[in-house]
Amino acid sequence: MTYKTTMLAALLAATTLSGAQAADPIKIGVVTPLSGTYAGIGQQVRWGLDLATKEVNAAGGIMGRQVELIYEDEEANPAVAVQKADKLFQVNKVDFLTGTVNSGSTLAVGQVAERAGKLIATTVSFADSITTDKCSPNVFRVNARAGQQSSALAVWLSKDKPKANVFYLGPDYEMGRSTVAAFKSAAEKVGATSTGEVFAPLDSKDYTQYFGQLRSARPQVLYTSVAGNDTVRLLTQMQEFGLLGNLTVVGASGTVTAQNLPAIGKAAEGFVTGVGYSAQIDTPENKKFVAAFQAANKIEPDLYGADSYGLIYAYKAAVEKAGATDTDKVRKALEGLKWQTPQGEKTLRAGDHQAIQTMYVVRVSGGKFMTVGQVSGDDAIGPDACPRF
C-alpha cells in the first residue's frame, strides 16, 4: 500500500469515526418507580417521556442526535434511587437524569448529580424543600410544588367551604409533611381552622387506626397527600367505615389521578385538588396531546404524564439553545427558559429552578375530573426561597 493510499484510508476512517460520534444518542437516565405502591405514577412518567421522545426522534432528534431513554426502578426508595442514579451517571454515562417520584429520592439523587457534575429534573416530586431550603444548582423542577397546589386549592376552599374545620392525614416522609404544612398555611390564611394531623407510613395497609382521631376532630374537610395504592386503601376504608358521607376530601394533586381512580371508584367522588394539569384543558395543543397519549396508552394522561412529556421538550430547547449537552451550558440555558407544554407556556425561574405555571382546581364528578377553578402562575408561585444560588 502506498503512502498516499494509507493516508486516504486513515482520513476515511477518521471521518467515519467522527460521523459516528456525532450521531451518538443523547442519553437520558430515568430513575422512577416501576414496582411498589408508586408504580402507577412511574408508569405515567414512562408513558409521557416515551411519547415525547418518540416525537422528538421522529422529527430529527436534538441537534441531529436521537434521544435514548435508559430506565431503572427506584422502588420509591431513596437508597435504591441513589444506587441506580450513580450507575446511570458512572456506567451508562447519561447526559441528564429524570423520573424520581419520592421527594426524598429527588433530594438524594440531586446530591449524586452534584458529585457527578450532571443535571436532573423532577416531573413529579412535590416537597417545597426541593426548590427552597434544600435547593441545588443541579436540580430543576418542571412540575408544580406543594405551595403552588395549595394556593389554588385554598382559593377554592375559601369560596366553597368558608371557615372550615380541616383535619390532615399525610404520608410520613418529606413529601407528606411538606404538602400538609403548605396547605395548612394556605388554608389558615383564608380562614380555615386546623383540628389535627396524623402521618402514616408509606405503603400503609390499614388506615382505620387513625379513624378515631378523625372522628374526634369533627372536621368538615379532610386534607390528604397519600398517593398511588395508598390512596386506594385510604378512601376505600373510609367508605367502608361510613366516613365519607358528611366529609369533603381534598388533597395533593397526586392523591387521586387517572391511574388510581378506577381502583378507588365511587369513594373518590367529590374529591378536590389543585393541579398543574388537567386533561380537560380546552386548547388545540392539549387536545392533540391527549389524543396521542390515549392512542399510545389507552388511558388519559394525568399530571405526571403531561409534565414528563413536557420535560423532554424543555431539555430539547435548552440543549439547542446551549449548542451542547455540557452541564454548565445546559444549566444556563434552562434558567429562565420559556417553553410550550400541553398545559400552556411554562417558565423555569432562574433563581430557584422552579417552574411557573397556571394552576387548576379539579373535582371528581361522575368518575371524571372536572375543572372548577383556576389561578395564574404568578399568583400561585410564591417568592423565591432558595438560599444557595
Protein backbone atom coordinates (compact mmCIF):
# COMPACT_ATOMS: atom_id res chain seq x y z
CA MET A 1 0.00 0.00 0.00
CA THR A 2 1.41 3.40 -0.99
CA TYR A 3 1.81 6.30 1.43
CA LYS A 4 -0.91 8.18 -0.42
CA THR A 5 -3.31 5.24 -0.18
CA THR A 6 -2.52 4.79 3.50
CA MET A 7 -3.24 8.44 4.26
CA LEU A 8 -6.52 8.29 2.34
CA ALA A 9 -7.61 5.22 4.30
CA ALA A 10 -6.70 6.91 7.57
CA LEU A 11 -8.65 10.03 6.60
CA LEU A 12 -11.73 7.98 5.70
CA ALA A 13 -11.50 6.08 8.98
CA ALA A 14 -11.22 9.32 10.95
CA THR A 15 -14.16 10.81 9.07
CA THR A 16 -16.26 7.72 9.73
CA LEU A 17 -15.39 7.77 13.43
CA SER A 18 -16.19 11.48 13.69
CA GLY A 19 -19.54 10.94 11.99
CA ALA A 20 -20.36 8.03 14.30
CA GLN A 21 -19.53 10.11 17.37
CA ALA A 22 -21.64 12.99 16.10
CA ALA A 23 -24.55 10.59 15.67
CA ASP A 24 -24.19 9.07 19.14
CA PRO A 25 -27.52 9.29 21.01
CA ILE A 26 -28.18 11.74 23.80
CA LYS A 27 -28.71 9.51 26.82
CA ILE A 28 -31.32 10.42 29.43
CA GLY A 29 -31.44 8.30 32.57
CA VAL A 30 -34.84 7.67 34.15
CA VAL A 31 -34.89 6.57 37.80
CA THR A 32 -38.57 6.01 38.56
CA PRO A 33 -40.75 3.51 40.49
CA LEU A 34 -41.67 0.65 38.18
CA SER A 35 -42.79 -1.52 41.12
CA GLY A 36 -44.37 -0.93 44.52
CA THR A 37 -47.04 1.47 45.77
CA TYR A 38 -45.99 4.27 43.36
CA ALA A 39 -45.66 2.05 40.28
CA GLY A 40 -48.75 3.66 38.72
CA ILE A 41 -47.10 7.08 38.96
CA GLY A 42 -43.93 5.69 37.44
CA GLN A 43 -45.98 4.26 34.59
CA GLN A 44 -47.38 7.70 33.71
CA VAL A 45 -43.87 9.15 33.89
CA ARG A 46 -42.68 6.49 31.45
CA TRP A 47 -45.59 6.98 29.07
CA GLY A 48 -45.06 10.76 28.98
CA LEU A 49 -41.32 10.51 28.42
CA ASP A 50 -41.68 7.77 25.79
CA LEU A 51 -44.28 9.71 23.80
CA ALA A 52 -42.29 12.95 23.71
CA THR A 53 -39.06 11.11 22.89
CA LYS A 54 -40.73 9.28 20.03
CA GLU A 55 -41.99 12.60 18.62
CA VAL A 56 -38.62 14.32 19.01
CA ASN A 57 -36.72 11.45 17.41
CA ALA A 58 -39.18 11.28 14.51
CA ALA A 59 -38.56 14.99 13.88
CA GLY A 60 -34.79 14.54 13.72
CA GLY A 61 -33.82 14.36 17.38
CA ILE A 62 -31.91 17.07 19.24
CA MET A 63 -29.29 18.78 17.08
CA GLY A 64 -29.40 15.79 14.76
CA ARG A 65 -28.91 13.24 17.56
CA GLN A 66 -31.52 10.70 18.63
CA VAL A 67 -32.61 10.58 22.29
CA GLU A 68 -32.21 7.32 24.21
CA LEU A 69 -34.05 6.72 27.49
CA ILE A 70 -32.46 4.29 29.97
CA TYR A 71 -34.82 3.16 32.75
CA GLU A 72 -34.05 1.98 36.28
CA ASP A 73 -36.56 1.04 39.00
CA GLU A 74 -36.14 3.21 42.11
CA GLU A 75 -38.97 1.46 44.01
CA ALA A 76 -39.82 4.88 45.58
CA ASN A 77 -36.87 4.23 47.89
CA PRO A 78 -34.21 6.97 48.23
CA ALA A 79 -31.41 4.48 48.96
CA VAL A 80 -32.25 2.47 45.85
CA ALA A 81 -32.64 5.66 43.79
CA VAL A 82 -29.12 6.78 44.76
CA GLN A 83 -27.62 3.46 43.65
CA LYS A 84 -29.47 3.50 40.34
CA ALA A 85 -28.64 7.15 39.64
CA ASP A 86 -24.96 6.57 40.35
CA LYS A 87 -24.98 3.62 37.93
CA LEU A 88 -26.60 5.71 35.20
CA PHE A 89 -24.10 8.52 35.63
CA GLN A 90 -20.95 6.41 36.02
CA VAL A 91 -21.64 3.32 33.89
CA ASN A 92 -24.24 4.37 31.33
CA LYS A 93 -22.76 7.88 31.03
CA VAL A 94 -26.17 9.55 30.73
CA ASP A 95 -26.22 13.24 29.84
CA PHE A 96 -29.24 14.08 32.02
CA LEU A 97 -31.49 12.33 34.56
CA THR A 98 -35.17 12.47 35.50
CA GLY A 99 -38.01 10.29 36.79
CA THR A 100 -37.70 10.46 40.59
CA VAL A 101 -41.10 10.39 42.31
CA ASN A 102 -40.47 10.14 46.05
CA SER A 103 -39.34 13.61 47.23
CA GLY A 104 -36.67 12.01 49.40
CA SER A 105 -35.36 10.29 46.28
CA THR A 106 -35.22 13.57 44.38
CA LEU A 107 -33.26 15.27 47.17
CA ALA A 108 -30.85 12.33 47.46
CA VAL A 109 -30.33 11.96 43.71
CA GLY A 110 -29.74 15.71 43.50
CA GLN A 111 -26.68 15.23 45.70
CA VAL A 112 -25.48 12.41 43.43
CA ALA A 113 -25.90 14.75 40.45
CA GLU A 114 -23.83 17.44 42.13
CA ARG A 115 -21.00 14.97 42.77
CA ALA A 116 -21.17 13.70 39.18
CA GLY A 117 -21.35 17.19 37.69
CA LYS A 118 -24.66 16.39 35.97
CA LEU A 119 -28.20 17.83 35.93
CA ILE A 120 -31.51 16.28 36.98
CA ALA A 121 -35.13 17.39 36.82
CA THR A 122 -38.15 16.03 38.62
CA THR A 123 -41.54 15.96 36.93
CA VAL A 124 -43.37 14.63 40.00
CA SER A 125 -41.95 15.43 43.45
CA PHE A 126 -43.99 17.97 45.44
CA ALA A 127 -41.91 18.80 48.53
CA ASP A 128 -41.31 22.55 48.65
CA SER A 129 -37.81 21.98 50.06
CA ILE A 130 -36.53 20.72 46.68
CA THR A 131 -36.59 24.25 45.29
CA THR A 132 -36.48 26.20 48.59
CA ASP A 133 -34.24 25.48 51.61
CA LYS A 134 -32.71 22.29 50.11
CA CYS A 135 -32.35 23.59 46.56
CA SER A 136 -29.43 22.55 44.37
CA PRO A 137 -27.84 24.25 41.35
CA ASN A 138 -28.03 20.87 39.59
CA VAL A 139 -31.74 20.23 40.24
CA PHE A 140 -34.74 21.59 38.31
CA ARG A 141 -38.47 21.01 38.81
CA VAL A 142 -40.88 21.31 35.86
CA ASN A 143 -43.98 20.34 37.86
CA ALA A 144 -45.85 22.40 40.47
CA ARG A 145 -44.58 22.23 44.03
CA ALA A 146 -46.78 21.81 47.10
CA GLY A 147 -47.12 25.55 47.69
CA GLN A 148 -48.47 26.17 44.19
CA GLN A 149 -51.03 23.38 44.53
CA SER A 150 -52.08 24.65 47.94
CA SER A 151 -52.54 28.22 46.71
CA ALA A 152 -55.03 27.08 44.08
CA LEU A 153 -56.88 24.72 46.43
CA ALA A 154 -57.10 27.33 49.20
CA VAL A 155 -58.77 29.80 46.82
CA TRP A 156 -61.45 27.17 46.11
CA LEU A 157 -61.80 26.29 49.82
CA SER A 158 -62.38 29.92 50.83
CA LYS A 159 -65.33 30.13 48.43
CA ASP A 160 -66.86 26.64 48.67
CA LYS A 161 -66.13 25.80 52.35
CA PRO A 162 -65.50 29.12 54.10
CA LYS A 163 -64.04 28.93 57.63
CA ALA A 164 -63.98 25.13 57.50
CA ASN A 165 -62.51 22.88 60.20
CA VAL A 166 -59.76 20.85 58.49
CA PHE A 167 -58.04 17.62 59.55
CA TYR A 168 -54.78 16.46 57.88
CA LEU A 169 -53.52 12.98 57.00
CA GLY A 170 -50.23 12.65 55.12
CA PRO A 171 -47.59 10.03 54.37
CA ASP A 172 -44.75 10.10 56.88
CA TYR A 173 -41.84 11.35 54.77
CA GLU A 174 -40.58 14.56 53.12
CA MET A 175 -43.42 14.97 50.62
CA GLY A 176 -46.20 14.22 53.11
CA ARG A 177 -45.04 16.65 55.75
CA SER A 178 -44.26 19.34 53.18
CA THR A 179 -47.66 19.15 51.49
CA VAL A 180 -49.55 19.17 54.79
CA ALA A 181 -47.55 22.17 56.02
CA ALA A 182 -48.09 24.02 52.75
CA PHE A 183 -51.83 23.51 52.64
CA LYS A 184 -52.30 24.17 56.36
CA SER A 185 -50.59 27.53 55.95
CA ALA A 186 -52.62 28.43 52.85
CA ALA A 187 -55.93 27.27 54.38
CA GLU A 188 -55.44 29.13 57.65
CA LYS A 189 -54.70 32.33 55.70
CA VAL A 190 -58.18 32.12 54.15
CA GLY A 191 -59.93 31.47 57.47
CA ALA A 192 -59.85 27.67 57.93
CA THR A 193 -59.23 26.11 61.35
CA SER A 194 -56.85 23.17 61.76
CA THR A 195 -58.24 20.43 64.02
CA GLY A 196 -55.41 17.87 64.00
CA GLU A 197 -52.98 15.90 61.88
CA VAL A 198 -51.53 12.38 61.57
CA PHE A 199 -48.81 10.88 59.38
CA ALA A 200 -48.96 7.28 58.21
CA PRO A 201 -46.03 5.17 56.99
CA LEU A 202 -45.63 4.85 53.22
CA ASP A 203 -47.40 1.75 51.86
CA SER A 204 -49.76 1.53 54.86
CA LYS A 205 -52.23 -1.33 54.65
CA ASP A 206 -54.57 -0.22 57.47
CA TYR A 207 -55.75 3.38 57.90
CA THR A 208 -58.58 2.52 60.30
CA GLN A 209 -56.24 3.08 63.26
CA TYR A 210 -56.46 6.83 62.52
CA PHE A 211 -60.24 7.00 62.20
CA GLY A 212 -60.82 7.56 65.91
CA GLN A 213 -58.74 10.76 65.83
CA LEU A 214 -60.51 11.84 62.66
CA ARG A 215 -63.98 11.39 64.20
CA SER A 216 -62.97 13.16 67.43
CA ALA A 217 -61.72 16.17 65.48
CA ARG A 218 -65.15 16.61 63.82
CA PRO A 219 -63.82 18.30 60.66
CA GLN A 220 -65.83 19.38 57.64
CA VAL A 221 -62.78 18.83 55.40
CA LEU A 222 -60.04 16.19 55.29
CA TYR A 223 -56.81 17.09 53.50
CA THR A 224 -54.60 14.17 52.48
CA SER A 225 -51.48 13.76 50.37
CA VAL A 226 -51.22 9.97 50.29
CA ALA A 227 -50.75 8.73 46.72
CA GLY A 228 -50.76 5.68 44.47
CA ASN A 229 -52.08 2.48 46.04
CA ASP A 230 -52.14 4.16 49.46
CA THR A 231 -55.00 6.39 48.25
CA VAL A 232 -56.96 3.35 47.11
CA ARG A 233 -56.69 1.82 50.57
CA LEU A 234 -57.40 5.06 52.47
CA LEU A 235 -60.54 6.13 50.60
CA THR A 236 -61.90 2.59 50.29
CA GLN A 237 -61.54 2.04 54.03
CA MET A 238 -63.11 5.43 54.78
CA GLN A 239 -66.08 4.50 52.62
CA GLU A 240 -66.42 1.12 54.37
CA PHE A 241 -66.46 2.85 57.77
CA GLY A 242 -69.02 5.45 56.71
CA LEU A 243 -66.71 8.45 56.99
CA LEU A 244 -67.31 10.00 53.59
CA GLY A 245 -70.97 10.98 53.97
CA ASN A 246 -70.53 14.39 55.62
CA LEU A 247 -66.87 14.97 54.86
CA THR A 248 -65.28 16.78 51.91
CA VAL A 249 -61.95 15.20 50.97
CA VAL A 250 -59.35 17.44 49.33
CA GLY A 251 -55.72 16.73 48.69
CA ALA A 252 -52.45 16.95 46.83
CA SER A 253 -52.55 16.65 43.07
CA GLY A 254 -51.05 13.15 43.14
CA THR A 255 -53.62 11.72 45.56
CA VAL A 256 -56.32 10.80 43.04
CA THR A 257 -55.17 10.53 39.43
CA ALA A 258 -56.26 8.93 36.17
CA GLN A 259 -54.07 5.98 37.16
CA ASN A 260 -55.69 5.05 40.50
CA LEU A 261 -59.19 6.50 40.01
CA PRO A 262 -60.66 3.28 38.52
CA ALA A 263 -59.50 1.28 41.56
CA ILE A 264 -60.91 3.85 44.02
CA GLY A 265 -64.27 4.04 42.25
CA LYS A 266 -67.15 5.84 43.98
CA ALA A 267 -65.06 6.52 47.08
CA ALA A 268 -63.28 9.24 45.07
CA GLU A 269 -66.49 11.08 44.19
CA GLY A 270 -66.27 14.76 45.20
CA PHE A 271 -62.52 14.73 45.79
CA VAL A 272 -60.99 18.16 45.05
CA THR A 273 -57.38 19.07 44.32
CA GLY A 274 -55.17 21.83 42.97
CA VAL A 275 -53.18 20.69 39.94
CA GLY A 276 -50.83 21.97 37.28
CA TYR A 277 -52.56 19.93 34.60
CA SER A 278 -56.00 18.68 33.60
CA ALA A 279 -56.85 16.58 30.57
CA GLN A 280 -59.87 18.90 30.17
CA ILE A 281 -57.74 21.97 29.33
CA ASP A 282 -59.53 23.28 26.25
CA THR A 283 -56.72 24.18 23.86
CA PRO A 284 -55.71 22.67 20.49
CA GLU A 285 -52.28 21.79 21.90
CA ASN A 286 -53.69 19.84 24.84
CA LYS A 287 -56.34 18.11 22.75
CA LYS A 288 -53.62 16.93 20.36
CA PHE A 289 -51.51 15.68 23.27
CA VAL A 290 -54.41 13.86 24.96
CA ALA A 291 -55.37 12.16 21.70
CA ALA A 292 -51.79 11.00 21.08
CA PHE A 293 -51.38 9.82 24.68
CA GLN A 294 -54.65 7.88 24.63
CA ALA A 295 -53.82 6.30 21.27
CA ALA A 296 -50.49 5.10 22.65
CA ASN A 297 -51.55 4.02 26.15
CA LYS A 298 -55.36 3.51 26.17
CA ILE A 299 -55.77 5.90 29.10
CA GLU A 300 -55.91 9.67 29.66
CA PRO A 301 -52.72 11.41 30.79
CA ASP A 302 -52.54 12.75 34.31
CA LEU A 303 -50.25 15.49 35.60
CA TYR A 304 -47.28 13.08 35.79
CA GLY A 305 -47.65 12.03 32.17
CA ALA A 306 -48.11 15.62 31.00
CA ASP A 307 -45.21 17.07 33.00
CA SER A 308 -42.88 14.23 31.95
CA TYR A 309 -43.85 14.78 28.32
CA GLY A 310 -43.15 18.50 28.67
CA LEU A 311 -39.72 17.90 30.21
CA ILE A 312 -38.32 16.32 27.05
CA TYR A 313 -39.23 19.47 25.11
CA ALA A 314 -37.69 21.68 27.82
CA TYR A 315 -34.44 19.70 27.63
CA LYS A 316 -34.51 19.83 23.82
CA ALA A 317 -34.95 23.61 23.86
CA ALA A 318 -32.14 24.03 26.41
CA VAL A 319 -29.64 21.83 24.56
CA GLU A 320 -30.39 23.59 21.28
CA LYS A 321 -30.04 26.97 22.96
CA ALA A 322 -26.76 25.88 24.60
CA GLY A 323 -25.46 24.21 21.44
CA ALA A 324 -24.18 21.35 23.61
CA THR A 325 -25.10 18.86 26.35
CA ASP A 326 -22.42 20.19 28.73
CA THR A 327 -23.76 20.64 32.26
CA ASP A 328 -22.81 24.29 32.74
CA LYS A 329 -24.14 25.35 29.34
CA VAL A 330 -27.43 23.45 29.69
CA ARG A 331 -27.95 24.75 33.23
CA LYS A 332 -27.59 28.31 31.99
CA ALA A 333 -29.98 27.61 29.11
CA LEU A 334 -32.59 26.08 31.43
CA GLU A 335 -32.53 29.03 33.82
CA GLY A 336 -35.30 31.38 32.73
CA LEU A 337 -36.33 29.06 29.88
CA LYS A 338 -39.83 29.55 28.45
CA TRP A 339 -41.31 26.63 26.52
CA GLN A 340 -44.64 25.27 25.37
CA THR A 341 -46.32 22.30 27.10
CA PRO A 342 -49.77 20.67 26.89
CA GLN A 343 -50.88 22.96 29.75
CA GLY A 344 -49.55 26.11 28.09
CA GLU A 345 -46.35 28.11 28.42
CA LYS A 346 -44.12 27.42 31.40
CA THR A 347 -41.12 29.34 32.71
CA LEU A 348 -38.26 27.84 34.72
CA ARG A 349 -37.47 30.52 37.28
CA ALA A 350 -33.73 31.16 37.22
CA GLY A 351 -33.43 31.84 40.94
CA ASP A 352 -34.73 28.52 42.31
CA HIS A 353 -35.22 26.33 39.19
CA GLN A 354 -38.98 26.07 39.86
CA ALA A 355 -41.49 26.03 37.01
CA ILE A 356 -44.08 28.84 36.95
CA GLN A 357 -47.39 27.68 35.50
CA THR A 358 -51.14 28.19 35.59
CA MET A 359 -52.79 26.15 38.35
CA TYR A 360 -56.22 24.49 38.15
CA VAL A 361 -58.72 23.21 40.70
CA VAL A 362 -60.42 19.96 39.69
CA ARG A 363 -63.17 17.89 41.29
CA VAL A 364 -64.02 14.23 40.67
CA SER A 365 -67.59 14.14 39.39
CA GLY A 366 -69.21 11.10 37.84
CA GLY A 367 -65.87 9.34 37.77
CA LYS A 368 -64.20 12.15 35.79
CA PHE A 369 -62.02 15.15 36.63
CA MET A 370 -63.89 18.42 36.09
CA THR A 371 -62.19 21.83 36.25
CA VAL A 372 -63.84 24.09 38.85
CA GLY A 373 -61.26 26.88 39.27
CA GLN A 374 -58.03 28.45 38.01
CA VAL A 375 -55.18 30.56 39.46
CA SER A 376 -52.49 32.33 37.40
CA GLY A 377 -48.93 31.11 37.60
CA ASP A 378 -47.65 34.37 39.04
CA ASP A 379 -50.29 34.34 41.80
CA ALA A 380 -49.56 30.71 42.74
CA ILE A 381 -45.75 30.60 42.62
CA GLY A 382 -44.79 32.49 45.79
CA PRO A 383 -41.38 34.09 46.47
CA ASP A 384 -38.01 32.60 45.52
CA ALA A 385 -36.77 30.98 48.76
CA CYS A 386 -33.64 29.19 47.51
CA PRO A 387 -30.63 30.32 49.59
CA ARG A 388 -27.83 28.65 47.60
CA PHE A 389 -27.75 30.46 44.23
